[in-house]
């Protein structure tokens, strides 16, 4: 009975995952997959590419004069949110073997500029770094462990941590946009035809 139940659960889970992957490919611009990257890393890379697309489109949609807007004292401004994500793309991926480029001031990145063009360029460069880090990572490294916040974590776990961390800041940027009358561009996209 337990085996039958386990088999049914496995089938439902697998069928749901396949359906979700198919929907993801229909909805987002990366439906051709991630060439040269397979398995778990491919799934993470696809999500990172979706987040990149949405962050860059949202950064472009914000008027330059709103880049210094913040919801209150001591809270990240629009520019700082985008630059915080950029810094995270460098800091987090160094944990899986991709250190930031030499000479890059990641620690000071968050407050380095409010210029829209520079912020977008920094965001693009950080996503190029993140995608290369995932692409270069060996599948065998996914199970390697390291110290993490008083315990241990695998490199797979680090990748698992990065995606929702960045998604949290995407939600923050969306809230900032809506408060400032900026419509997230993808919400205006026509629905995909099946």
N, C-alpha and C. Protein backbone atom coordinates (compact mmCIF):
# COMPACT_ATOMS: atom_id res chain seq x y z
N UNK A 1 0.81 -1.18 0.00
CA UNK A 1 0.00 0.00 0.00
C UNK A 1 0.87 1.26 0.00
N UNK A 2 1.94 1.24 0.87
CA UNK A 2 2.84 2.39 0.90
C UNK A 2 3.52 2.60 -0.43
N UNK A 3 3.91 1.51 -1.08
CA UNK A 3 4.57 1.63 -2.40
C UNK A 3 3.63 2.24 -3.42
N UNK A 4 2.40 1.80 -3.42
CA UNK A 4 1.42 2.34 -4.37
C UNK A 4 1.21 3.82 -4.12
N UNK A 5 1.08 4.19 -2.84
CA UNK A 5 0.90 5.60 -2.50
C UNK A 5 2.12 6.42 -2.92
N UNK A 6 3.32 5.89 -2.65
CA UNK A 6 4.56 6.57 -3.04
C UNK A 6 4.63 6.73 -4.55
N UNK A 7 4.26 5.71 -5.28
CA UNK A 7 4.29 5.77 -6.74
C UNK A 7 3.31 6.82 -7.26
N UNK A 8 2.13 6.88 -6.66
CA UNK A 8 1.14 7.88 -7.08
C UNK A 8 1.66 9.28 -6.78
N UNK A 9 2.22 9.47 -5.58
CA UNK A 9 2.78 10.79 -5.23
C UNK A 9 3.89 11.18 -6.19
N UNK A 10 4.78 10.24 -6.49
CA UNK A 10 5.87 10.52 -7.42
C UNK A 10 5.34 10.91 -8.79
N UNK A 11 4.32 10.19 -9.27
CA UNK A 11 3.72 10.49 -10.58
C UNK A 11 3.11 11.89 -10.58
N UNK A 12 2.34 12.21 -9.52
CA UNK A 12 1.70 13.52 -9.45
C UNK A 12 2.75 14.63 -9.40
N UNK A 13 3.79 14.43 -8.57
CA UNK A 13 4.85 15.42 -8.45
C UNK A 13 5.56 15.61 -9.79
N UNK A 14 5.92 14.51 -10.44
CA UNK A 14 6.64 14.58 -11.72
C UNK A 14 5.78 15.22 -12.79
N UNK A 15 4.52 14.81 -12.85
CA UNK A 15 3.61 15.39 -13.86
C UNK A 15 3.45 16.88 -13.63
N UNK A 16 3.33 17.28 -12.36
CA UNK A 16 3.21 18.71 -12.04
C UNK A 16 4.46 19.48 -12.41
N UNK A 17 5.62 18.91 -12.16
CA UNK A 17 6.89 19.57 -12.50
C UNK A 17 7.04 19.72 -14.00
N UNK A 18 6.67 18.68 -14.74
CA UNK A 18 6.76 18.75 -16.21
C UNK A 18 5.81 19.81 -16.75
N UNK A 19 4.58 19.85 -16.20
CA UNK A 19 3.61 20.85 -16.64
C UNK A 19 4.09 22.26 -16.30
N UNK A 20 4.64 22.44 -15.10
CA UNK A 20 5.14 23.76 -14.70
C UNK A 20 6.29 24.20 -15.60
N UNK A 21 7.18 23.27 -15.93
CA UNK A 21 8.30 23.60 -16.82
C UNK A 21 7.79 24.01 -18.20
N UNK A 22 6.78 23.30 -18.69
CA UNK A 22 6.22 23.63 -20.00
C UNK A 22 5.58 25.01 -19.98
N UNK A 23 4.85 25.32 -18.89
CA UNK A 23 4.24 26.64 -18.78
C UNK A 23 5.30 27.72 -18.67
N UNK A 24 6.34 27.46 -17.91
CA UNK A 24 7.43 28.41 -17.76
C UNK A 24 8.04 28.75 -19.12
N UNK A 25 8.22 27.73 -19.95
CA UNK A 25 8.82 27.96 -21.26
C UNK A 25 7.87 28.71 -22.18
N UNK A 26 6.56 28.55 -22.03
CA UNK A 26 5.61 29.28 -22.87
C UNK A 26 5.52 30.74 -22.46
N UNK A 27 5.61 31.00 -21.17
CA UNK A 27 5.37 32.34 -20.65
C UNK A 27 6.60 33.23 -20.78
N UNK A 28 7.79 32.67 -20.67
CA UNK A 28 8.99 33.48 -20.60
C UNK A 28 9.86 33.35 -21.85
N UNK A 29 10.72 34.32 -22.07
CA UNK A 29 11.50 34.38 -23.30
C UNK A 29 12.59 33.33 -23.42
N UNK A 30 12.80 32.49 -22.42
CA UNK A 30 13.89 31.54 -22.47
C UNK A 30 13.39 30.12 -22.72
N UNK A 31 12.40 30.02 -23.61
CA UNK A 31 11.78 28.72 -23.85
C UNK A 31 12.69 27.75 -24.58
N UNK A 32 13.81 28.21 -25.11
CA UNK A 32 14.73 27.31 -25.80
C UNK A 32 15.71 26.66 -24.84
N UNK A 33 15.55 26.92 -23.55
CA UNK A 33 16.40 26.27 -22.57
C UNK A 33 17.71 27.01 -22.36
N UNK A 34 18.61 26.34 -21.74
CA UNK A 34 19.89 26.93 -21.39
C UNK A 34 20.98 26.06 -21.99
N UNK A 35 21.43 26.39 -23.20
CA UNK A 35 22.41 25.55 -23.90
C UNK A 35 23.65 25.27 -23.07
N UNK A 36 24.06 24.01 -23.06
CA UNK A 36 25.29 23.62 -22.38
C UNK A 36 25.14 23.39 -20.89
N UNK A 37 23.97 23.67 -20.34
CA UNK A 37 23.75 23.49 -18.91
C UNK A 37 22.56 22.54 -18.75
N UNK A 38 22.74 21.52 -17.92
CA UNK A 38 21.68 20.53 -17.76
C UNK A 38 21.31 20.35 -16.30
N UNK A 39 20.25 19.61 -16.07
CA UNK A 39 19.84 19.24 -14.73
C UNK A 39 19.49 20.42 -13.86
N UNK A 40 19.82 20.29 -12.59
CA UNK A 40 19.47 21.29 -11.59
C UNK A 40 20.01 22.67 -11.95
N UNK A 41 21.25 22.72 -12.41
CA UNK A 41 21.83 24.03 -12.77
C UNK A 41 21.03 24.69 -13.88
N UNK A 42 20.53 23.91 -14.82
CA UNK A 42 19.72 24.45 -15.91
C UNK A 42 18.43 25.07 -15.38
N UNK A 43 17.83 24.41 -14.39
CA UNK A 43 16.59 24.95 -13.81
C UNK A 43 16.87 26.26 -13.08
N UNK A 44 17.95 26.30 -12.32
CA UNK A 44 18.32 27.53 -11.61
C UNK A 44 18.65 28.63 -12.61
N UNK A 45 19.41 28.28 -13.64
CA UNK A 45 19.79 29.27 -14.65
C UNK A 45 18.56 29.85 -15.35
N UNK A 46 17.58 29.02 -15.66
CA UNK A 46 16.35 29.51 -16.29
C UNK A 46 15.65 30.52 -15.39
N UNK A 47 15.57 30.24 -14.10
CA UNK A 47 14.94 31.17 -13.16
C UNK A 47 15.73 32.47 -13.04
N UNK A 48 17.05 32.36 -13.02
CA UNK A 48 17.90 33.55 -12.95
C UNK A 48 17.71 34.41 -14.20
N UNK A 49 17.58 33.78 -15.35
CA UNK A 49 17.37 34.52 -16.59
C UNK A 49 16.01 35.22 -16.61
N UNK A 50 15.01 34.59 -16.03
CA UNK A 50 13.69 35.23 -15.93
C UNK A 50 13.78 36.44 -15.00
N UNK A 51 14.43 36.27 -13.86
CA UNK A 51 14.59 37.39 -12.94
C UNK A 51 15.38 38.53 -13.58
N UNK A 52 16.42 38.19 -14.31
CA UNK A 52 17.21 39.20 -15.00
C UNK A 52 16.32 40.00 -15.95
N UNK A 53 15.53 39.31 -16.73
CA UNK A 53 14.65 39.96 -17.69
C UNK A 53 13.69 40.93 -16.99
N UNK A 54 13.11 40.48 -15.89
CA UNK A 54 12.15 41.32 -15.19
C UNK A 54 12.83 42.50 -14.49
N UNK A 55 13.97 42.27 -13.88
CA UNK A 55 14.68 43.39 -13.25
C UNK A 55 15.09 44.43 -14.28
N UNK A 56 15.65 43.98 -15.40
CA UNK A 56 16.11 44.95 -16.41
C UNK A 56 14.94 45.72 -17.02
N UNK A 57 13.85 45.04 -17.29
CA UNK A 57 12.68 45.74 -17.85
C UNK A 57 12.12 46.74 -16.85
N UNK A 58 12.10 46.36 -15.58
CA UNK A 58 11.59 47.27 -14.56
C UNK A 58 12.55 48.46 -14.36
N UNK A 59 13.84 48.20 -14.36
CA UNK A 59 14.82 49.28 -14.22
C UNK A 59 14.70 50.26 -15.38
N UNK A 60 14.46 49.76 -16.57
CA UNK A 60 14.27 50.63 -17.74
C UNK A 60 12.98 51.44 -17.61
N UNK A 61 11.93 50.84 -17.05
CA UNK A 61 10.63 51.51 -16.96
C UNK A 61 10.62 52.65 -15.95
N UNK A 62 11.45 52.55 -14.91
CA UNK A 62 11.50 53.62 -13.91
C UNK A 62 12.06 54.89 -14.53
N UNK A 63 11.40 56.03 -14.32
CA UNK A 63 12.00 57.30 -14.77
C UNK A 63 13.28 57.59 -13.98
N UNK A 64 14.26 58.19 -14.63
CA UNK A 64 15.55 58.47 -13.99
C UNK A 64 15.39 59.27 -12.71
N UNK A 65 14.43 60.20 -12.69
CA UNK A 65 14.25 61.04 -11.49
C UNK A 65 13.69 60.26 -10.29
N UNK A 66 13.21 59.06 -10.51
CA UNK A 66 12.68 58.24 -9.41
C UNK A 66 13.75 57.31 -8.82
N UNK A 67 14.93 57.30 -9.37
CA UNK A 67 15.98 56.40 -8.88
C UNK A 67 16.43 56.74 -7.46
N UNK A 68 16.19 57.97 -7.00
CA UNK A 68 16.56 58.35 -5.64
C UNK A 68 15.38 58.22 -4.66
N UNK A 69 14.21 57.84 -5.17
CA UNK A 69 13.03 57.71 -4.32
C UNK A 69 13.20 56.54 -3.35
N UNK A 70 12.77 56.76 -2.12
CA UNK A 70 12.76 55.70 -1.11
C UNK A 70 11.48 55.85 -0.31
N UNK A 71 10.92 54.75 0.18
CA UNK A 71 9.64 54.85 0.90
C UNK A 71 9.74 55.49 2.28
N UNK A 72 10.95 55.61 2.81
CA UNK A 72 11.12 56.24 4.11
C UNK A 72 12.59 56.28 4.48
N UNK A 73 12.93 57.02 5.51
CA UNK A 73 14.33 57.09 5.95
C UNK A 73 14.87 55.71 6.33
N UNK A 74 16.11 55.46 5.95
CA UNK A 74 16.75 54.21 6.31
C UNK A 74 16.34 53.02 5.47
N UNK A 75 15.52 53.23 4.44
CA UNK A 75 15.06 52.15 3.56
C UNK A 75 15.74 52.34 2.20
N UNK A 76 16.07 51.24 1.54
CA UNK A 76 16.74 51.31 0.25
C UNK A 76 15.95 52.15 -0.75
N UNK A 77 16.67 52.95 -1.54
CA UNK A 77 16.06 53.70 -2.63
C UNK A 77 15.89 52.77 -3.82
N UNK A 78 15.26 53.26 -4.87
CA UNK A 78 15.09 52.49 -6.10
C UNK A 78 16.45 52.03 -6.62
N UNK A 79 17.38 52.98 -6.77
CA UNK A 79 18.72 52.64 -7.27
C UNK A 79 19.39 51.63 -6.35
N UNK A 80 19.26 51.83 -5.04
CA UNK A 80 19.91 50.94 -4.08
C UNK A 80 19.37 49.52 -4.14
N UNK A 81 18.08 49.36 -4.42
CA UNK A 81 17.52 48.01 -4.56
C UNK A 81 18.18 47.31 -5.74
N UNK A 82 18.23 47.99 -6.88
CA UNK A 82 18.85 47.39 -8.07
C UNK A 82 20.33 47.09 -7.84
N UNK A 83 21.00 47.98 -7.15
CA UNK A 83 22.43 47.78 -6.88
C UNK A 83 22.66 46.73 -5.79
N UNK A 84 21.72 46.59 -4.87
CA UNK A 84 21.80 45.53 -3.86
C UNK A 84 21.71 44.16 -4.55
N UNK A 85 20.81 44.05 -5.50
CA UNK A 85 20.68 42.80 -6.27
C UNK A 85 21.97 42.54 -7.04
N UNK A 86 22.54 43.58 -7.62
CA UNK A 86 23.80 43.43 -8.35
C UNK A 86 24.90 42.93 -7.42
N UNK A 87 25.01 43.53 -6.24
CA UNK A 87 26.03 43.10 -5.28
C UNK A 87 25.79 41.65 -4.85
N UNK A 88 24.53 41.28 -4.65
CA UNK A 88 24.21 39.89 -4.28
C UNK A 88 24.63 38.92 -5.38
N UNK A 89 24.46 39.33 -6.64
CA UNK A 89 24.88 38.46 -7.74
C UNK A 89 26.38 38.22 -7.74
N UNK A 90 27.14 39.12 -7.20
CA UNK A 90 28.58 38.90 -7.05
C UNK A 90 28.90 38.16 -5.75
N UNK A 91 28.34 38.63 -4.65
CA UNK A 91 28.66 38.04 -3.35
C UNK A 91 28.20 36.60 -3.20
N UNK A 92 26.99 36.31 -3.64
CA UNK A 92 26.45 34.97 -3.43
C UNK A 92 27.15 33.93 -4.32
N UNK A 93 27.44 34.28 -5.54
CA UNK A 93 28.03 33.29 -6.45
C UNK A 93 29.50 33.02 -6.15
N UNK A 94 30.13 33.89 -5.35
CA UNK A 94 31.50 33.57 -4.95
C UNK A 94 31.50 32.33 -4.04
N UNK A 95 30.37 32.06 -3.39
CA UNK A 95 30.25 30.87 -2.54
C UNK A 95 30.27 29.57 -3.34
N UNK A 96 29.98 29.66 -4.64
CA UNK A 96 30.02 28.46 -5.48
C UNK A 96 31.19 28.52 -6.47
N UNK A 97 32.21 29.32 -6.13
CA UNK A 97 33.44 29.31 -6.91
C UNK A 97 33.59 30.38 -7.96
N UNK A 98 32.77 31.42 -7.92
CA UNK A 98 32.87 32.49 -8.92
C UNK A 98 33.10 33.83 -8.21
N UNK A 99 34.36 34.14 -7.87
CA UNK A 99 34.62 35.42 -7.19
C UNK A 99 34.33 36.61 -8.11
N UNK A 100 34.00 37.75 -7.52
CA UNK A 100 33.78 38.95 -8.33
C UNK A 100 35.05 39.31 -9.10
N UNK A 101 34.93 40.02 -10.20
CA UNK A 101 36.12 40.47 -10.93
C UNK A 101 37.05 41.28 -10.03
N UNK A 102 38.32 41.11 -10.24
CA UNK A 102 39.32 41.84 -9.44
C UNK A 102 39.09 43.34 -9.55
N UNK A 103 39.18 44.01 -8.41
CA UNK A 103 39.05 45.46 -8.39
C UNK A 103 37.62 45.96 -8.29
N UNK A 104 36.64 45.09 -8.37
CA UNK A 104 35.24 45.51 -8.29
C UNK A 104 34.88 45.76 -6.82
N UNK A 105 34.38 46.95 -6.52
CA UNK A 105 34.02 47.30 -5.14
C UNK A 105 32.59 46.85 -4.87
N UNK A 106 32.43 45.58 -4.51
CA UNK A 106 31.10 45.04 -4.23
C UNK A 106 30.54 45.63 -2.94
N UNK A 107 31.39 45.84 -1.94
CA UNK A 107 30.94 46.37 -0.65
C UNK A 107 30.31 47.75 -0.80
N UNK A 108 30.83 48.57 -1.69
CA UNK A 108 30.31 49.92 -1.87
C UNK A 108 29.33 50.05 -3.02
N UNK A 109 28.98 48.94 -3.64
CA UNK A 109 28.15 48.97 -4.85
C UNK A 109 26.77 49.56 -4.60
N UNK A 110 26.16 49.21 -3.48
CA UNK A 110 24.77 49.59 -3.21
C UNK A 110 24.55 51.10 -3.25
N UNK A 111 25.55 51.86 -2.88
CA UNK A 111 25.42 53.33 -2.84
C UNK A 111 26.34 54.01 -3.84
N UNK A 112 26.81 53.26 -4.83
CA UNK A 112 27.82 53.78 -5.75
C UNK A 112 27.30 54.80 -6.76
N UNK A 113 26.02 54.77 -7.10
CA UNK A 113 25.49 55.69 -8.10
C UNK A 113 23.96 55.73 -8.02
N UNK A 114 23.41 56.82 -8.53
CA UNK A 114 21.95 56.90 -8.71
C UNK A 114 21.64 57.14 -10.20
N UNK A 115 22.68 57.15 -11.02
CA UNK A 115 22.51 57.35 -12.45
C UNK A 115 21.85 56.12 -13.08
N UNK A 116 20.72 56.32 -13.72
CA UNK A 116 19.95 55.22 -14.28
C UNK A 116 20.78 54.35 -15.22
N UNK A 117 21.50 54.95 -16.13
CA UNK A 117 22.29 54.18 -17.11
C UNK A 117 23.36 53.34 -16.41
N UNK A 118 24.02 53.92 -15.41
CA UNK A 118 25.05 53.18 -14.68
C UNK A 118 24.46 52.05 -13.85
N UNK A 119 23.31 52.30 -13.24
CA UNK A 119 22.64 51.26 -12.45
C UNK A 119 22.28 50.09 -13.36
N UNK A 120 21.71 50.38 -14.51
CA UNK A 120 21.32 49.31 -15.44
C UNK A 120 22.54 48.56 -15.95
N UNK A 121 23.60 49.27 -16.26
CA UNK A 121 24.84 48.61 -16.72
C UNK A 121 25.40 47.70 -15.63
N UNK A 122 25.35 48.15 -14.39
CA UNK A 122 25.83 47.34 -13.26
C UNK A 122 24.97 46.10 -13.09
N UNK A 123 23.67 46.27 -13.20
CA UNK A 123 22.73 45.15 -13.09
C UNK A 123 23.00 44.12 -14.19
N UNK A 124 23.18 44.59 -15.43
CA UNK A 124 23.47 43.68 -16.55
C UNK A 124 24.77 42.91 -16.33
N UNK A 125 25.80 43.62 -15.91
CA UNK A 125 27.10 42.96 -15.68
C UNK A 125 27.00 41.93 -14.57
N UNK A 126 26.23 42.23 -13.52
CA UNK A 126 26.09 41.27 -12.42
C UNK A 126 25.34 40.03 -12.85
N UNK A 127 24.38 40.18 -13.73
CA UNK A 127 23.66 39.00 -14.22
C UNK A 127 24.52 38.19 -15.19
N UNK A 128 25.37 38.85 -15.95
CA UNK A 128 26.32 38.10 -16.79
C UNK A 128 27.23 37.26 -15.90
N UNK A 129 27.66 37.84 -14.79
CA UNK A 129 28.50 37.12 -13.83
C UNK A 129 27.74 35.92 -13.24
N UNK A 130 26.51 36.15 -12.82
CA UNK A 130 25.70 35.09 -12.20
C UNK A 130 25.48 33.93 -13.18
N UNK A 131 25.12 34.27 -14.41
CA UNK A 131 24.85 33.21 -15.41
C UNK A 131 26.12 32.44 -15.73
N UNK A 132 27.25 33.13 -15.79
CA UNK A 132 28.52 32.44 -16.06
C UNK A 132 28.90 31.55 -14.89
N UNK A 133 28.63 32.00 -13.68
CA UNK A 133 28.94 31.20 -12.48
C UNK A 133 28.16 29.89 -12.50
N UNK A 134 26.89 29.95 -12.85
CA UNK A 134 26.06 28.74 -12.90
C UNK A 134 26.51 27.85 -14.04
N UNK A 135 26.81 28.45 -15.18
CA UNK A 135 27.25 27.68 -16.35
C UNK A 135 28.56 26.96 -16.09
N UNK A 136 29.50 27.63 -15.43
CA UNK A 136 30.83 27.06 -15.18
C UNK A 136 30.86 26.04 -14.04
N UNK A 137 29.85 26.06 -13.21
CA UNK A 137 29.83 25.19 -12.04
C UNK A 137 29.69 23.73 -12.49
N UNK A 138 30.50 22.87 -11.91
CA UNK A 138 30.41 21.44 -12.23
C UNK A 138 29.27 20.80 -11.45
N UNK A 139 28.52 19.91 -12.11
CA UNK A 139 27.45 19.22 -11.41
C UNK A 139 27.96 18.51 -10.16
N UNK A 140 29.18 18.00 -10.23
CA UNK A 140 29.76 17.28 -9.08
C UNK A 140 29.90 18.19 -7.86
N UNK A 141 29.97 19.50 -8.07
CA UNK A 141 30.14 20.43 -6.96
C UNK A 141 28.83 20.70 -6.19
N UNK A 142 27.71 20.31 -6.78
CA UNK A 142 26.43 20.61 -6.15
C UNK A 142 26.32 20.04 -4.73
N UNK A 143 26.96 18.91 -4.50
CA UNK A 143 26.86 18.27 -3.18
C UNK A 143 28.00 18.67 -2.23
N UNK A 144 28.93 19.49 -2.69
CA UNK A 144 30.00 19.97 -1.80
C UNK A 144 29.39 20.82 -0.70
N UNK A 145 29.91 20.65 0.51
CA UNK A 145 29.36 21.41 1.64
C UNK A 145 30.32 22.50 2.09
N UNK A 146 29.74 23.47 2.77
CA UNK A 146 30.52 24.57 3.34
C UNK A 146 29.83 25.03 4.61
N UNK A 147 30.54 25.79 5.42
CA UNK A 147 29.94 26.37 6.61
C UNK A 147 28.92 27.43 6.19
N UNK A 148 27.81 27.50 6.93
CA UNK A 148 26.75 28.43 6.56
C UNK A 148 25.95 28.79 7.80
N UNK A 149 26.05 30.01 8.24
CA UNK A 149 25.24 30.56 9.32
C UNK A 149 25.14 29.60 10.51
N UNK A 150 26.28 29.12 10.95
CA UNK A 150 26.33 28.26 12.11
C UNK A 150 26.09 26.79 11.83
N UNK A 151 25.94 26.43 10.56
CA UNK A 151 25.72 25.04 10.18
C UNK A 151 26.45 24.72 8.89
N UNK A 152 25.90 23.82 8.13
CA UNK A 152 26.48 23.43 6.85
C UNK A 152 25.43 23.59 5.75
N UNK A 153 25.89 23.81 4.54
CA UNK A 153 25.01 23.89 3.37
C UNK A 153 25.77 23.34 2.17
N UNK A 154 25.05 22.80 1.23
CA UNK A 154 25.68 22.36 -0.02
C UNK A 154 25.68 23.52 -1.01
N UNK A 155 26.47 23.38 -2.06
CA UNK A 155 26.42 24.39 -3.11
C UNK A 155 25.05 24.40 -3.78
N UNK A 156 24.40 23.25 -3.86
CA UNK A 156 23.02 23.19 -4.36
C UNK A 156 22.13 24.09 -3.49
N UNK A 157 22.33 23.99 -2.16
CA UNK A 157 21.55 24.81 -1.24
C UNK A 157 21.81 26.29 -1.41
N UNK A 158 23.05 26.65 -1.72
CA UNK A 158 23.37 28.06 -1.96
C UNK A 158 22.59 28.56 -3.18
N UNK A 159 22.59 27.77 -4.26
CA UNK A 159 21.81 28.16 -5.44
C UNK A 159 20.33 28.28 -5.10
N UNK A 160 19.85 27.34 -4.28
CA UNK A 160 18.45 27.36 -3.86
C UNK A 160 18.15 28.61 -3.04
N UNK A 161 19.11 29.08 -2.26
CA UNK A 161 18.94 30.28 -1.45
C UNK A 161 18.93 31.55 -2.31
N UNK A 162 19.78 31.61 -3.31
CA UNK A 162 19.95 32.83 -4.10
C UNK A 162 18.66 33.21 -4.81
N UNK A 163 18.00 32.26 -5.45
CA UNK A 163 16.82 32.59 -6.27
C UNK A 163 15.71 33.27 -5.47
N UNK A 164 15.28 32.72 -4.32
CA UNK A 164 14.23 33.43 -3.58
C UNK A 164 14.72 34.74 -2.94
N UNK A 165 16.01 34.80 -2.60
CA UNK A 165 16.54 36.05 -2.06
C UNK A 165 16.38 37.17 -3.10
N UNK A 166 16.75 36.88 -4.32
CA UNK A 166 16.62 37.88 -5.38
C UNK A 166 15.14 38.16 -5.68
N UNK A 167 14.31 37.12 -5.64
CA UNK A 167 12.88 37.30 -5.89
C UNK A 167 12.25 38.22 -4.86
N UNK A 168 12.74 38.16 -3.63
CA UNK A 168 12.25 39.05 -2.57
C UNK A 168 12.49 40.51 -2.97
N UNK A 169 13.65 40.78 -3.54
CA UNK A 169 13.95 42.15 -3.95
C UNK A 169 13.23 42.54 -5.24
N UNK A 170 12.89 41.56 -6.06
CA UNK A 170 12.05 41.86 -7.22
C UNK A 170 10.68 42.32 -6.74
N UNK A 171 10.14 41.63 -5.74
CA UNK A 171 8.86 42.05 -5.16
C UNK A 171 8.95 43.46 -4.58
N UNK A 172 10.07 43.76 -3.93
CA UNK A 172 10.29 45.09 -3.38
C UNK A 172 10.30 46.13 -4.51
N UNK A 173 11.01 45.83 -5.59
CA UNK A 173 11.09 46.76 -6.72
C UNK A 173 9.72 46.94 -7.38
N UNK A 174 8.94 45.87 -7.45
CA UNK A 174 7.59 45.97 -8.02
C UNK A 174 6.72 46.88 -7.14
N UNK A 175 6.82 46.71 -5.82
CA UNK A 175 6.06 47.58 -4.92
C UNK A 175 6.47 49.04 -5.10
N UNK A 176 7.78 49.29 -5.20
CA UNK A 176 8.26 50.64 -5.44
C UNK A 176 7.68 51.19 -6.75
N UNK A 177 7.67 50.35 -7.76
CA UNK A 177 7.14 50.78 -9.06
C UNK A 177 5.67 51.17 -8.95
N UNK A 178 4.88 50.30 -8.36
CA UNK A 178 3.44 50.57 -8.25
C UNK A 178 3.17 51.84 -7.45
N UNK A 179 3.89 52.04 -6.36
CA UNK A 179 3.71 53.25 -5.55
C UNK A 179 4.00 54.50 -6.38
N UNK A 180 4.95 54.39 -7.32
CA UNK A 180 5.36 55.53 -8.14
C UNK A 180 4.65 55.58 -9.49
N UNK A 181 3.62 54.78 -9.66
CA UNK A 181 2.85 54.81 -10.91
C UNK A 181 3.54 54.16 -12.09
N UNK A 182 4.55 53.32 -11.82
CA UNK A 182 5.25 52.60 -12.89
C UNK A 182 4.66 51.20 -12.98
N UNK A 183 4.17 50.86 -14.15
CA UNK A 183 3.57 49.55 -14.35
C UNK A 183 4.67 48.57 -14.75
N UNK A 184 4.80 47.44 -14.04
CA UNK A 184 5.79 46.45 -14.46
C UNK A 184 5.53 46.06 -15.92
N UNK A 185 6.51 46.23 -16.80
CA UNK A 185 6.29 46.07 -18.24
C UNK A 185 5.70 44.72 -18.65
N UNK A 186 6.10 43.65 -17.97
CA UNK A 186 5.62 42.33 -18.38
C UNK A 186 4.12 42.16 -18.11
N UNK A 187 3.56 42.99 -17.21
CA UNK A 187 2.12 42.86 -16.96
C UNK A 187 1.30 43.43 -18.12
N UNK A 188 1.97 44.15 -19.02
CA UNK A 188 1.32 44.68 -20.21
C UNK A 188 1.54 43.82 -21.44
N UNK A 189 2.37 42.78 -21.30
CA UNK A 189 2.64 41.89 -22.43
C UNK A 189 1.37 41.19 -22.85
N UNK A 190 1.15 41.03 -24.17
CA UNK A 190 -0.02 40.27 -24.60
C UNK A 190 0.14 38.80 -24.18
N UNK A 191 -0.97 38.14 -23.87
CA UNK A 191 -0.88 36.73 -23.50
C UNK A 191 -0.33 35.89 -24.65
N UNK A 192 0.46 34.87 -24.30
CA UNK A 192 1.00 33.98 -25.33
C UNK A 192 -0.12 33.15 -25.93
N UNK A 193 -0.04 32.97 -27.20
CA UNK A 193 -1.03 32.11 -27.88
C UNK A 193 -0.50 30.70 -27.87
N UNK A 194 -1.38 29.77 -27.55
CA UNK A 194 -0.96 28.36 -27.49
C UNK A 194 -1.18 27.68 -28.82
